[in-house]
Amino acid sequence: MSAVLIALIVAAPQPRIALGVELLLLAGTLALGMLILARRAGHATAKSGTTRYLERWSPNLITPLLIGVGGVSLLVHAGAVFTGCSRRGRGSVGRSRQRLAVPGEITV
């Protein structure tokens, strides 16, 4: 579900700051929803070390955390990974690519 919501947010053309704020809001909403659902689901009866670790650091909380990191990186202008450009503006979009010469091929 979170992947679909992220795809809808990222697909729309919008400013970097708006995208960062939307990702932060989505991360908060997902974390809250997942915490509520985890509490309603209950806990495992066996309290081994592994069970406690998985209950505390489950993917249910790591996913919103990483979405929030993406939102913060866009807000602090470190979001070059999401835009396809490096910090200096030398992205791969619009750059001419050199073609490698194949042995035996005639180049002009």
C-alpha atoms as a PDB file:
ATOM      1  CA  MET A   1       0.000   0.000   0.000  1.00  0.00           C
ATOM      2  CA  SER A   2       2.774   2.416   0.867  1.00  0.00           C
ATOM      3  CA  ALA A   3       4.469   1.785  -2.486  1.00  0.00           C
ATOM      4  CA  VAL A   4       1.297   2.786  -4.332  1.00  0.00           C
ATOM      5  CA  LEU A   5       0.959   5.988  -2.320  1.00  0.00           C
ATOM      6  CA  ILE A   6       4.619   6.876  -2.922  1.00  0.00           C
ATOM      7  CA  ALA A   7       4.194   6.250  -6.644  1.00  0.00           C
ATOM      8  CA  LEU A   8       1.188   8.568  -6.759  1.00  0.00           C
ATOM      9  CA  ILE A   9       3.049  11.313  -4.907  1.00  0.00           C
ATOM     10  CA  VAL A  10       6.264  11.058  -6.932  1.00  0.00           C
ATOM     11  CA  ALA A  11       4.541  10.779 -10.323  1.00  0.00           C
ATOM     12  CA  ALA A  12       2.960  14.222 -10.172  1.00  0.00           C
ATOM     13  CA  PRO A  13       5.245  17.064 -11.264  1.00  0.00           C
ATOM     14  CA  GLN A  14       5.773  19.355  -8.281  1.00  0.00           C
ATOM     15  CA  PRO A  15       8.496  21.376  -6.567  1.00  0.00           C
ATOM     16  CA  ARG A  16      11.154  19.568  -4.557  1.00  0.00           C
ATOM     17  CA  ILE A  17      10.044  21.100  -1.254  1.00  0.00           C
ATOM     18  CA  ALA A  18       6.409  20.099  -1.766  1.00  0.00           C
ATOM     19  CA  LEU A  19       7.495  16.548  -2.535  1.00  0.00           C
ATOM     20  CA  GLY A  20       9.641  16.452   0.611  1.00  0.00           C
ATOM     21  CA  VAL A  21       6.776  17.679   2.798  1.00  0.00           C
ATOM     22  CA  GLU A  22       4.377  15.179   1.249  1.00  0.00           C
ATOM     23  CA  LEU A  23       6.819  12.316   1.861  1.00  0.00           C
ATOM     24  CA  LEU A  24       7.235  13.390   5.495  1.00  0.00           C
ATOM     25  CA  LEU A  25       3.459  13.539   5.985  1.00  0.00           C
ATOM     26  CA  LEU A  26       3.069  10.141   4.335  1.00  0.00           C
ATOM     27  CA  ALA A  27       5.790   8.676   6.564  1.00  0.00           C
ATOM     28  CA  GLY A  28       4.092   9.990   9.694  1.00  0.00           C
ATOM     29  CA  THR A  29       0.689   8.749   8.616  1.00  0.00           C
ATOM     30  CA  LEU A  30       2.015   5.301   7.699  1.00  0.00           C
ATOM     31  CA  ALA A  31       3.965   4.978  10.952  1.00  0.00           C
ATOM     32  CA  LEU A  32       0.917   5.926  13.013  1.00  0.00           C
ATOM     33  CA  GLY A  33      -1.320   3.540  11.087  1.00  0.00           C
ATOM     34  CA  MET A  34       1.144   0.680  11.354  1.00  0.00           C
ATOM     35  CA  LEU A  35       1.601   1.233  15.097  1.00  0.00           C
ATOM     36  CA  ILE A  36      -2.161   1.197  15.639  1.00  0.00           C
ATOM     37  CA  LEU A  37      -2.555  -1.986  13.601  1.00  0.00           C
ATOM     38  CA  ALA A  38       0.362  -3.653  15.399  1.00  0.00           C
ATOM     39  CA  ARG A  39      -1.203  -2.905  18.797  1.00  0.00           C
ATOM     40  CA  ARG A  40      -4.544  -4.284  17.686  1.00  0.00           C
ATOM     41  CA  ALA A  41      -2.892  -7.439  16.352  1.00  0.00           C
ATOM     42  CA  GLY A  42      -1.423  -8.274  19.768  1.00  0.00           C
ATOM     43  CA  HIS A  43       1.933  -9.730  20.727  1.00  0.00           C
ATOM     44  CA  ALA A  44       3.519 -13.132  20.455  1.00  0.00           C
ATOM     45  CA  THR A  45       3.312 -15.361  23.527  1.00  0.00           C
ATOM     46  CA  ALA A  46       6.949 -16.497  23.393  1.00  0.00           C
ATOM     47  CA  LYS A  47       9.219 -13.689  24.542  1.00  0.00           C
ATOM     48  CA  SER A  48      12.581 -14.784  23.214  1.00  0.00           C
ATOM     49  CA  GLY A  49      15.218 -12.225  22.245  1.00  0.00           C
ATOM     50  CA  THR A  50      14.505 -12.632  18.557  1.00  0.00           C
ATOM     51  CA  THR A  51      10.773 -12.134  19.034  1.00  0.00           C
ATOM     52  CA  ARG A  52      11.272  -8.918  20.988  1.00  0.00           C
ATOM     53  CA  TYR A  53      13.738  -7.640  18.378  1.00  0.00           C
ATOM     54  CA  LEU A  54      11.355  -8.332  15.496  1.00  0.00           C
ATOM     55  CA  GLU A  55       8.425  -6.749  17.326  1.00  0.00           C
ATOM     56  CA  ARG A  56      10.371  -3.593  18.031  1.00  0.00           C
ATOM     57  CA  TRP A  57      12.283  -3.136  14.737  1.00  0.00           C
ATOM     58  CA  SER A  58       9.899  -4.704  12.285  1.00  0.00           C
ATOM     59  CA  PRO A  59       9.598  -3.537   8.691  1.00  0.00           C
ATOM     60  CA  ASN A  60       6.392  -1.827   9.774  1.00  0.00           C
ATOM     61  CA  LEU A  61       8.447   0.942  11.367  1.00  0.00           C
ATOM     62  CA  ILE A  62      11.527   0.825   9.141  1.00  0.00           C
ATOM     63  CA  THR A  63       9.541   1.540   5.964  1.00  0.00           C
ATOM     64  CA  PRO A  64       8.058   4.848   7.190  1.00  0.00           C
ATOM     65  CA  LEU A  65      11.441   5.759   8.668  1.00  0.00           C
ATOM     66  CA  LEU A  66      13.133   5.424   5.264  1.00  0.00           C
ATOM     67  CA  ILE A  67      10.302   7.312   3.555  1.00  0.00           C
ATOM     68  CA  GLY A  68      10.834  10.099   6.075  1.00  0.00           C
ATOM     69  CA  VAL A  69      14.581  10.083   5.355  1.00  0.00           C
ATOM     70  CA  GLY A  70      13.751  10.574   1.677  1.00  0.00           C
ATOM     71  CA  GLY A  71      11.489  13.509   2.519  1.00  0.00           C
ATOM     72  CA  VAL A  72      14.123  15.126   4.735  1.00  0.00           C
ATOM     73  CA  SER A  73      16.810  14.670   2.086  1.00  0.00           C
ATOM     74  CA  LEU A  74      14.619  16.519  -0.401  1.00  0.00           C
ATOM     75  CA  LEU A  75      14.012  19.328   2.073  1.00  0.00           C
ATOM     76  CA  VAL A  76      17.698  19.836   2.879  1.00  0.00           C
ATOM     77  CA  HIS A  77      18.642  19.834  -0.810  1.00  0.00           C
ATOM     78  CA  ALA A  78      20.333  16.438  -0.722  1.00  0.00           C
ATOM     79  CA  GLY A  79      17.666  14.807  -2.856  1.00  0.00           C
ATOM     80  CA  ALA A  80      19.793  14.334  -5.935  1.00  0.00           C
ATOM     81  CA  VAL A  81      19.028  10.623  -5.957  1.00  0.00           C
ATOM     82  CA  PHE A  82      15.334  11.253  -6.544  1.00  0.00           C
ATOM     83  CA  THR A  83      15.729  13.870  -9.267  1.00  0.00           C
ATOM     84  CA  GLY A  84      18.335  12.029 -11.333  1.00  0.00           C
ATOM     85  CA  CYS A  85      20.812  14.919 -11.104  1.00  0.00           C
ATOM     86  CA  SER A  86      23.951  15.340  -9.111  1.00  0.00           C
ATOM     87  CA  ARG A  87      24.446  18.255  -6.731  1.00  0.00           C
ATOM     88  CA  ARG A  88      26.351  20.210  -9.351  1.00  0.00           C
ATOM     89  CA  GLY A  89      23.572  19.884 -11.897  1.00  0.00           C
ATOM     90  CA  ARG A  90      25.367  17.420 -14.136  1.00  0.00           C
ATOM     91  CA  GLY A  91      22.636  14.845 -14.427  1.00  0.00           C
ATOM     92  CA  SER A  92      22.278  12.120 -16.990  1.00  0.00           C
ATOM     93  CA  VAL A  93      19.179  13.749 -18.466  1.00  0.00           C
ATOM     94  CA  GLY A  94      19.960  15.526 -21.725  1.00  0.00           C
ATOM     95  CA  ARG A  95      23.606  14.535 -21.826  1.00  0.00           C
ATOM     96  CA  SER A  96      24.966  13.185 -25.070  1.00  0.00           C
ATOM     97  CA  ARG A  97      26.445   9.756 -24.700  1.00  0.00           C
ATOM     98  CA  GLN A  98      29.551   8.727 -26.524  1.00  0.00           C
ATOM     99  CA  ARG A  99      29.263   5.544 -28.460  1.00  0.00           C
ATOM    100  CA  LEU A 100      31.941   2.937 -27.972  1.00  0.00           C
ATOM    101  CA  ALA A 101      33.763   1.833 -31.079  1.00  0.00           C
ATOM    102  CA  VAL A 102      33.245  -1.785 -32.058  1.00  0.00           C
ATOM    103  CA  PRO A 103      36.284  -3.531 -33.543  1.00  0.00           C
ATOM    104  CA  GLY A 104      35.917  -3.761 -37.302  1.00  0.00           C
ATOM    105  CA  GLU A 105      33.310  -0.992 -37.459  1.00  0.00           C
ATOM    106  CA  ILE A 106      33.865   2.035 -39.669  1.00  0.00           C
ATOM    107  CA  THR A 107      33.490   5.256 -37.734  1.00  0.00           C
ATOM    108  CA  VAL A 108      33.054   8.668 -39.257  1.00  0.00           C
END
